[in-house]
Amino acid sequence: MTARVRSADAAMQQVSCTECLAKVQVRKTAWEQTSIQWSGEALELCRERPACPSGGLPRDQFVGCETLRAALRDATARGSLELAEPATQ
């Protein structure tokens, strides 16, 4: 991963899905922690979302795209996602 920047200075970064080209905004604070903001357009473009059930229970909700997860892992491994420094107290 790339060098850390202070959390307050770390802007969301854009990452695109390699399958449908949906673009999401991402902030990475650790290898294990990634915040993702989906836009309405990205949700419409996602090819995996329609395969998700649309019931009212939490298990029925769209939890993300496996292809996008792979793109995020690849971007992190390449160092193209800036890692935000966790806020200190």
N, C-alpha and C. Protein backbone atom coordinates (compact mmCIF):
# COMPACT_ATOMS: atom_id res chain seq x y z
N MET A 1 0.84 -1.17 0.00
CA MET A 1 0.00 0.00 0.00
C MET A 1 0.88 1.24 0.00
N THR A 2 0.30 2.36 -0.36
CA THR A 2 1.05 3.61 -0.42
C THR A 2 1.21 4.19 0.97
N ALA A 3 1.95 5.29 1.05
CA ALA A 3 2.16 5.97 2.32
C ALA A 3 0.83 6.46 2.89
N ARG A 4 0.82 6.58 4.20
CA ARG A 4 -0.39 7.05 4.88
C ARG A 4 -0.47 8.58 4.83
N VAL A 5 -1.69 9.08 4.82
CA VAL A 5 -1.94 10.51 4.96
C VAL A 5 -2.89 10.68 6.13
N ARG A 6 -2.89 11.85 6.73
CA ARG A 6 -3.79 12.08 7.86
C ARG A 6 -5.22 11.86 7.43
N SER A 7 -6.01 11.23 8.28
CA SER A 7 -7.40 10.89 7.98
C SER A 7 -8.20 12.11 7.55
N ALA A 8 -7.98 13.25 8.21
CA ALA A 8 -8.73 14.45 7.87
C ALA A 8 -8.41 14.93 6.47
N ASP A 9 -7.20 14.62 5.98
CA ASP A 9 -6.78 15.06 4.65
C ASP A 9 -7.09 14.05 3.56
N ALA A 10 -7.45 12.84 3.92
CA ALA A 10 -7.66 11.78 2.95
C ALA A 10 -9.04 11.90 2.33
N ALA A 11 -9.07 12.28 1.10
CA ALA A 11 -10.33 12.38 0.38
C ALA A 11 -10.75 11.01 -0.11
N MET A 12 -12.02 10.90 -0.41
CA MET A 12 -12.50 9.68 -1.04
C MET A 12 -11.82 9.57 -2.41
N GLN A 13 -11.50 8.37 -2.81
CA GLN A 13 -10.86 8.11 -4.09
C GLN A 13 -11.79 7.29 -4.95
N GLN A 14 -11.77 7.51 -6.23
CA GLN A 14 -12.66 6.79 -7.15
C GLN A 14 -12.03 5.48 -7.60
N VAL A 15 -12.83 4.42 -7.57
CA VAL A 15 -12.41 3.11 -8.07
C VAL A 15 -13.52 2.61 -8.97
N SER A 16 -13.13 2.01 -10.10
CA SER A 16 -14.11 1.48 -11.05
C SER A 16 -14.11 -0.03 -11.04
N CYS A 17 -15.29 -0.60 -11.17
CA CYS A 17 -15.44 -2.04 -11.32
C CYS A 17 -14.89 -2.43 -12.69
N THR A 18 -14.17 -3.52 -12.75
CA THR A 18 -13.59 -3.96 -14.02
C THR A 18 -14.60 -4.62 -14.94
N GLU A 19 -15.76 -5.00 -14.39
CA GLU A 19 -16.78 -5.67 -15.19
C GLU A 19 -17.78 -4.68 -15.80
N CYS A 20 -18.42 -3.88 -14.97
CA CYS A 20 -19.50 -3.00 -15.46
C CYS A 20 -19.09 -1.54 -15.53
N LEU A 21 -17.90 -1.22 -15.02
CA LEU A 21 -17.34 0.14 -14.99
C LEU A 21 -18.08 1.08 -14.05
N ALA A 22 -18.89 0.54 -13.12
CA ALA A 22 -19.50 1.38 -12.10
C ALA A 22 -18.39 2.02 -11.28
N LYS A 23 -18.54 3.30 -10.97
CA LYS A 23 -17.53 4.04 -10.21
C LYS A 23 -18.05 4.33 -8.82
N VAL A 24 -17.26 3.95 -7.81
CA VAL A 24 -17.62 4.20 -6.42
C VAL A 24 -16.53 5.05 -5.78
N GLN A 25 -16.87 5.70 -4.67
CA GLN A 25 -15.92 6.49 -3.92
C GLN A 25 -15.44 5.65 -2.74
N VAL A 26 -14.13 5.64 -2.50
CA VAL A 26 -13.52 4.74 -1.53
C VAL A 26 -12.56 5.50 -0.62
N ARG A 27 -12.57 5.13 0.66
CA ARG A 27 -11.54 5.58 1.60
C ARG A 27 -11.00 4.33 2.28
N LYS A 28 -9.69 4.17 2.26
CA LYS A 28 -9.04 2.99 2.82
C LYS A 28 -8.25 3.41 4.05
N THR A 29 -8.58 2.85 5.22
CA THR A 29 -7.86 3.20 6.44
C THR A 29 -6.97 2.06 6.94
N ALA A 30 -7.16 0.87 6.41
CA ALA A 30 -6.33 -0.29 6.74
C ALA A 30 -6.61 -1.35 5.68
N TRP A 31 -5.72 -2.34 5.58
CA TRP A 31 -5.95 -3.42 4.62
C TRP A 31 -7.32 -4.03 4.85
N GLU A 32 -7.71 -4.17 6.11
CA GLU A 32 -8.96 -4.83 6.46
C GLU A 32 -10.17 -3.91 6.43
N GLN A 33 -9.99 -2.59 6.29
CA GLN A 33 -11.11 -1.66 6.40
C GLN A 33 -11.16 -0.73 5.19
N THR A 34 -12.30 -0.77 4.51
CA THR A 34 -12.54 0.08 3.35
C THR A 34 -13.95 0.63 3.43
N SER A 35 -14.08 1.94 3.32
CA SER A 35 -15.40 2.57 3.26
C SER A 35 -15.74 2.82 1.80
N ILE A 36 -16.93 2.42 1.38
CA ILE A 36 -17.35 2.56 -0.01
C ILE A 36 -18.66 3.33 -0.06
N GLN A 37 -18.72 4.34 -0.92
CA GLN A 37 -19.96 5.07 -1.16
C GLN A 37 -20.41 4.78 -2.59
N TRP A 38 -21.60 4.20 -2.69
CA TRP A 38 -22.19 3.89 -3.98
C TRP A 38 -23.08 5.05 -4.42
N SER A 39 -22.95 5.49 -5.64
CA SER A 39 -23.87 6.50 -6.19
C SER A 39 -25.05 5.75 -6.81
N GLY A 40 -26.11 6.47 -7.08
CA GLY A 40 -27.25 5.86 -7.76
C GLY A 40 -26.86 5.29 -9.11
N GLU A 41 -26.01 6.02 -9.83
CA GLU A 41 -25.56 5.55 -11.14
C GLU A 41 -24.77 4.25 -11.02
N ALA A 42 -23.88 4.17 -10.02
CA ALA A 42 -23.10 2.96 -9.83
C ALA A 42 -24.00 1.77 -9.51
N LEU A 43 -25.01 2.00 -8.67
CA LEU A 43 -25.95 0.92 -8.34
C LEU A 43 -26.70 0.44 -9.58
N GLU A 44 -27.05 1.36 -10.46
CA GLU A 44 -27.75 0.99 -11.70
C GLU A 44 -26.85 0.21 -12.65
N LEU A 45 -25.57 0.56 -12.69
CA LEU A 45 -24.62 -0.10 -13.60
C LEU A 45 -24.19 -1.48 -13.12
N CYS A 46 -24.20 -1.70 -11.82
CA CYS A 46 -23.68 -2.96 -11.26
C CYS A 46 -24.44 -4.16 -11.83
N ARG A 47 -23.70 -5.09 -12.37
CA ARG A 47 -24.31 -6.30 -12.97
C ARG A 47 -24.64 -7.36 -11.92
N GLU A 48 -24.02 -7.27 -10.75
CA GLU A 48 -24.28 -8.26 -9.70
C GLU A 48 -25.48 -7.89 -8.84
N ARG A 49 -25.84 -6.63 -8.79
CA ARG A 49 -26.94 -6.18 -7.93
C ARG A 49 -28.28 -6.79 -8.31
N PRO A 50 -28.65 -6.89 -9.59
CA PRO A 50 -29.96 -7.47 -9.91
C PRO A 50 -30.12 -8.92 -9.47
N ALA A 51 -29.03 -9.63 -9.29
CA ALA A 51 -29.10 -11.03 -8.86
C ALA A 51 -29.41 -11.14 -7.37
N CYS A 52 -29.40 -10.03 -6.66
CA CYS A 52 -29.63 -10.01 -5.23
C CYS A 52 -31.13 -9.99 -4.95
N PRO A 53 -31.61 -10.78 -3.99
CA PRO A 53 -33.03 -10.73 -3.62
C PRO A 53 -33.40 -9.34 -3.13
N SER A 54 -34.65 -8.98 -3.24
CA SER A 54 -35.07 -7.63 -2.85
C SER A 54 -36.07 -7.65 -1.70
N GLY A 55 -35.91 -8.59 -0.79
CA GLY A 55 -36.80 -8.66 0.37
C GLY A 55 -36.49 -7.59 1.39
N GLY A 56 -37.24 -7.56 2.47
CA GLY A 56 -37.09 -6.53 3.47
C GLY A 56 -36.15 -6.88 4.61
N LEU A 57 -35.57 -8.05 4.62
CA LEU A 57 -34.69 -8.45 5.71
C LEU A 57 -33.24 -8.08 5.39
N PRO A 58 -32.41 -7.83 6.42
CA PRO A 58 -31.01 -7.47 6.17
C PRO A 58 -30.28 -8.47 5.28
N ARG A 59 -30.57 -9.75 5.41
CA ARG A 59 -29.86 -10.75 4.58
C ARG A 59 -30.26 -10.65 3.11
N ASP A 60 -31.38 -9.97 2.83
CA ASP A 60 -31.84 -9.82 1.46
C ASP A 60 -31.27 -8.57 0.78
N GLN A 61 -30.55 -7.76 1.51
CA GLN A 61 -30.05 -6.51 0.97
C GLN A 61 -28.77 -6.74 0.15
N PHE A 62 -28.53 -5.85 -0.78
CA PHE A 62 -27.32 -5.88 -1.60
C PHE A 62 -26.13 -5.54 -0.72
N VAL A 63 -25.18 -6.45 -0.62
CA VAL A 63 -24.02 -6.23 0.25
C VAL A 63 -22.75 -5.92 -0.52
N GLY A 64 -22.83 -5.85 -1.81
CA GLY A 64 -21.65 -5.47 -2.59
C GLY A 64 -21.41 -6.38 -3.77
N CYS A 65 -20.45 -5.99 -4.54
CA CYS A 65 -20.11 -6.64 -5.80
C CYS A 65 -18.77 -7.34 -5.66
N GLU A 66 -18.74 -8.62 -5.93
CA GLU A 66 -17.49 -9.39 -5.83
C GLU A 66 -16.44 -8.90 -6.82
N THR A 67 -16.86 -8.49 -8.00
CA THR A 67 -15.91 -7.99 -9.00
C THR A 67 -15.30 -6.68 -8.53
N LEU A 68 -16.12 -5.81 -7.94
CA LEU A 68 -15.60 -4.55 -7.39
C LEU A 68 -14.66 -4.84 -6.23
N ARG A 69 -14.99 -5.80 -5.37
CA ARG A 69 -14.09 -6.16 -4.27
C ARG A 69 -12.71 -6.57 -4.80
N ALA A 70 -12.71 -7.33 -5.89
CA ALA A 70 -11.44 -7.74 -6.50
C ALA A 70 -10.68 -6.53 -7.02
N ALA A 71 -11.38 -5.58 -7.63
CA ALA A 71 -10.74 -4.36 -8.13
C ALA A 71 -10.14 -3.56 -6.97
N LEU A 72 -10.84 -3.52 -5.84
CA LEU A 72 -10.32 -2.81 -4.66
C LEU A 72 -9.08 -3.50 -4.11
N ARG A 73 -9.12 -4.83 -4.04
CA ARG A 73 -7.93 -5.58 -3.58
C ARG A 73 -6.74 -5.32 -4.49
N ASP A 74 -6.98 -5.36 -5.81
CA ASP A 74 -5.90 -5.13 -6.77
C ASP A 74 -5.34 -3.71 -6.64
N ALA A 75 -6.21 -2.71 -6.53
CA ALA A 75 -5.77 -1.32 -6.39
C ALA A 75 -4.97 -1.14 -5.11
N THR A 76 -5.38 -1.80 -4.04
CA THR A 76 -4.66 -1.71 -2.77
C THR A 76 -3.29 -2.37 -2.90
N ALA A 77 -3.24 -3.55 -3.49
CA ALA A 77 -1.98 -4.26 -3.65
C ALA A 77 -1.00 -3.50 -4.55
N ARG A 78 -1.54 -2.82 -5.57
CA ARG A 78 -0.69 -2.03 -6.47
C ARG A 78 -0.23 -0.73 -5.82
N GLY A 79 -0.92 -0.32 -4.75
CA GLY A 79 -0.57 0.93 -4.08
C GLY A 79 -1.24 2.14 -4.68
N SER A 80 -2.25 1.93 -5.51
CA SER A 80 -2.92 3.08 -6.13
C SER A 80 -4.02 3.67 -5.27
N LEU A 81 -4.36 3.02 -4.14
CA LEU A 81 -5.28 3.60 -3.17
C LEU A 81 -4.46 4.19 -2.03
N GLU A 82 -4.69 5.46 -1.75
CA GLU A 82 -3.99 6.14 -0.67
C GLU A 82 -4.57 5.66 0.66
N LEU A 83 -3.70 5.26 1.56
CA LEU A 83 -4.13 4.76 2.86
C LEU A 83 -4.23 5.91 3.84
N ALA A 84 -5.41 6.11 4.41
CA ALA A 84 -5.62 7.19 5.38
C ALA A 84 -5.08 6.79 6.74
N GLU A 85 -4.45 7.70 7.41
CA GLU A 85 -3.96 7.49 8.77
C GLU A 85 -5.13 7.55 9.72
N PRO A 86 -5.30 6.56 10.58
CA PRO A 86 -6.41 6.62 11.54
C PRO A 86 -6.28 7.88 12.41
N ALA A 87 -7.41 8.45 12.75
CA ALA A 87 -7.42 9.65 13.59
C ALA A 87 -6.84 9.33 14.96
N THR A 88 -6.05 10.22 15.50
CA THR A 88 -5.50 10.04 16.84
C THR A 88 -6.23 10.97 17.79
N GLN A 89 -6.21 10.60 19.05
CA GLN A 89 -6.94 11.40 20.04
C GLN A 89 -6.03 12.31 20.79
